[in-house]
Protein backbone atom coordinates (compact mmCIF):
# COMPACT_ATOMS: atom_id res chain seq x y z
CA MET A 1 3.63 34.63 -20.21
CA ALA A 2 -0.14 35.04 -19.72
CA GLY A 3 -0.47 31.25 -20.32
CA ILE A 4 1.45 30.67 -17.17
CA TYR A 5 -0.81 32.66 -15.01
CA ASP A 6 -3.85 31.31 -16.51
CA THR A 7 -2.57 27.71 -15.72
CA MET A 8 -1.86 28.88 -12.06
CA LEU A 9 -5.19 30.16 -11.63
CA LYS A 10 -6.80 27.17 -13.14
CA ASN A 11 -4.84 24.71 -10.85
CA ALA A 12 -5.61 27.01 -7.75
CA ALA A 13 -9.25 26.96 -8.59
CA GLN A 14 -9.48 23.29 -9.10
CA GLN A 15 -7.62 22.55 -5.80
CA ALA A 16 -9.71 24.90 -3.93
CA VAL A 17 -12.95 23.38 -5.25
CA ASP A 18 -11.72 19.75 -4.49
CA GLN A 19 -10.32 20.41 -1.02
CA LEU A 20 -13.36 22.45 0.09
CA GLY A 21 -15.86 20.12 -1.67
CA GLU A 22 -14.25 17.08 0.02
CA GLY A 23 -15.10 18.49 3.26
CA LEU A 24 -18.76 18.21 2.51
CA ASP A 25 -20.90 15.36 3.47
CA THR A 26 -23.16 15.80 0.30
CA SER A 27 -22.60 15.61 -3.52
CA ILE A 28 -24.27 17.07 -6.57
CA THR A 29 -25.38 15.73 -9.88
CA TYR A 30 -25.02 18.36 -12.79
CA LYS A 31 -27.09 17.62 -15.88
CA VAL A 32 -26.19 19.21 -19.13
CA PHE A 33 -29.28 19.49 -21.46
CA ASN A 34 -27.91 19.69 -25.10
CA ASP A 35 -29.66 20.91 -27.97
CA GLN A 36 -32.56 18.97 -29.17
CA THR A 37 -32.54 17.13 -32.51
CA TYR A 38 -35.24 16.07 -34.86
CA ASN A 39 -35.46 12.37 -35.91
CA ILE A 40 -36.93 12.30 -39.20
CA ASP A 41 -37.66 8.65 -39.14
CA THR A 42 -39.81 8.60 -36.14
CA GLY A 43 -40.98 12.22 -36.26
CA GLU A 44 -39.79 12.94 -32.61
CA GLN A 45 -37.83 15.69 -31.27
CA VAL A 46 -34.91 14.08 -29.29
CA SER A 47 -33.07 15.82 -26.41
CA VAL A 48 -29.68 14.47 -25.09
CA THR A 49 -28.65 14.86 -21.42
CA THR A 50 -25.36 14.24 -19.97
CA SER A 51 -25.03 13.75 -16.36
CA TYR A 52 -22.04 14.32 -14.07
CA GLU A 53 -22.74 12.43 -10.76
CA ASN A 54 -21.29 12.42 -7.35
CA LEU A 55 -19.52 15.66 -7.61
CA LYS A 56 -18.02 17.09 -4.43
CA VAL A 57 -18.13 20.92 -4.84
CA PRO A 58 -18.39 23.65 -2.48
CA ILE A 59 -22.10 24.77 -1.76
CA GLU A 60 -22.88 28.07 0.05
CA PHE A 61 -26.46 28.69 1.15
CA ILE A 62 -26.88 32.37 0.63
CA GLU A 63 -30.68 33.10 1.18
CA SER A 64 -33.68 31.79 2.56
CA GLU A 65 -36.58 33.97 3.01
CA THR A 66 -40.40 33.89 3.01
CA GLU A 67 -42.17 35.74 0.02
CA PRO A 68 -45.24 37.71 0.85
CA ASP A 69 -47.54 35.10 -0.62
CA GLY A 70 -46.02 32.55 2.02
CA ARG A 71 -43.68 30.70 -0.42
CA GLU A 72 -39.99 30.19 0.68
CA LYS A 73 -37.39 31.46 -1.64
CA ARG A 74 -34.14 29.47 -1.28
CA GLU A 75 -30.88 30.25 -3.13
CA ALA A 76 -27.38 28.91 -3.01
CA LYS A 77 -24.05 29.23 -4.69
CA ILE A 78 -22.22 26.29 -6.14
CA TYR A 79 -18.54 26.54 -7.04
CA ILE A 80 -17.49 24.30 -10.07
CA THR A 81 -14.54 23.90 -12.05
CA PRO A 82 -14.93 23.05 -15.93
CA ASP A 83 -13.00 19.66 -15.48
CA LYS A 84 -15.78 18.47 -13.35
CA ILE A 85 -18.57 18.87 -16.02
CA GLY A 86 -16.65 17.80 -19.01
CA GLY A 87 -15.43 21.30 -20.01
CA HIS A 88 -19.13 22.50 -20.37
CA GLN A 89 -19.98 26.19 -20.16
CA PRO A 90 -22.99 26.16 -17.82
CA THR A 91 -26.29 27.38 -19.33
CA ILE A 92 -29.54 28.18 -17.41
CA ARG A 93 -31.06 25.09 -19.03
CA ASP A 94 -28.66 22.94 -16.92
CA THR A 95 -29.66 21.55 -13.60
CA VAL A 96 -28.08 20.89 -10.37
CA THR A 97 -29.48 18.07 -7.99
CA PHE A 98 -28.38 17.77 -4.23
CA GLU A 99 -29.64 16.84 -0.88
CA TYR A 100 -31.43 19.63 0.94
CA ALA A 101 -33.52 19.25 4.01
CA GLY A 102 -33.38 15.55 3.83
CA SER A 103 -34.33 15.16 0.15
CA ASN A 104 -33.00 15.30 -3.16
CA VAL A 105 -33.95 18.76 -4.80
CA VAL A 106 -33.53 19.65 -8.47
CA SER A 107 -32.29 23.16 -8.63
CA GLN A 108 -32.73 25.87 -11.32
CA ILE A 109 -29.70 27.94 -12.33
CA SER A 110 -30.57 31.49 -12.18
CA ASP A 111 -26.92 33.27 -12.56
CA ILE A 112 -23.77 32.17 -13.82
CA ILE A 113 -20.39 33.96 -13.06
CA THR A 114 -17.50 32.76 -15.18
CA TYR A 115 -13.86 33.47 -14.22
CA LYS A 116 -11.37 33.18 -17.07
CA GLY A 117 -8.33 34.46 -18.85
CA GLY A 118 -7.09 32.75 -21.76
CA GLN A 119 -8.99 29.42 -20.36
CA THR A 120 -11.86 29.34 -18.21
CA TYR A 121 -11.01 28.16 -14.55
CA LEU A 122 -14.13 28.65 -12.36
CA PHE A 123 -17.77 28.96 -12.34
CA ILE A 124 -20.03 30.34 -9.71
CA LEU A 125 -23.67 29.16 -10.21
CA THR A 126 -26.49 30.64 -8.20
CA VAL A 127 -29.38 28.24 -7.88
CA ARG A 128 -32.87 28.28 -6.79
CA LEU A 129 -34.09 25.52 -4.57
């Protein structure tokens, strides 16, 4: 019986992310930084990245404040489902790029909330701009 509820929650999360994301006039690029490997022949460390581009997902700007040293601290929440990023479990090494204040900004993931039962159905990423 738990499988039915998991499927219901997964479908509801996918539908909500799709519908809310389509209402935005911007999209994101999600980059997965996979583990590095060492190429013995060339003596180089090789890092493999996978990009998921033009993703329409909900973005919530949650904080923009000026630090005591004059720098601006900006954070946003991004709601994303596993199907949008190839079933990948987000890590803080991954990056999210989107348009902010007229330019493309690569943001750093600072917090990951995972919602799941028997299967994962939603990630909420807090990113720093």
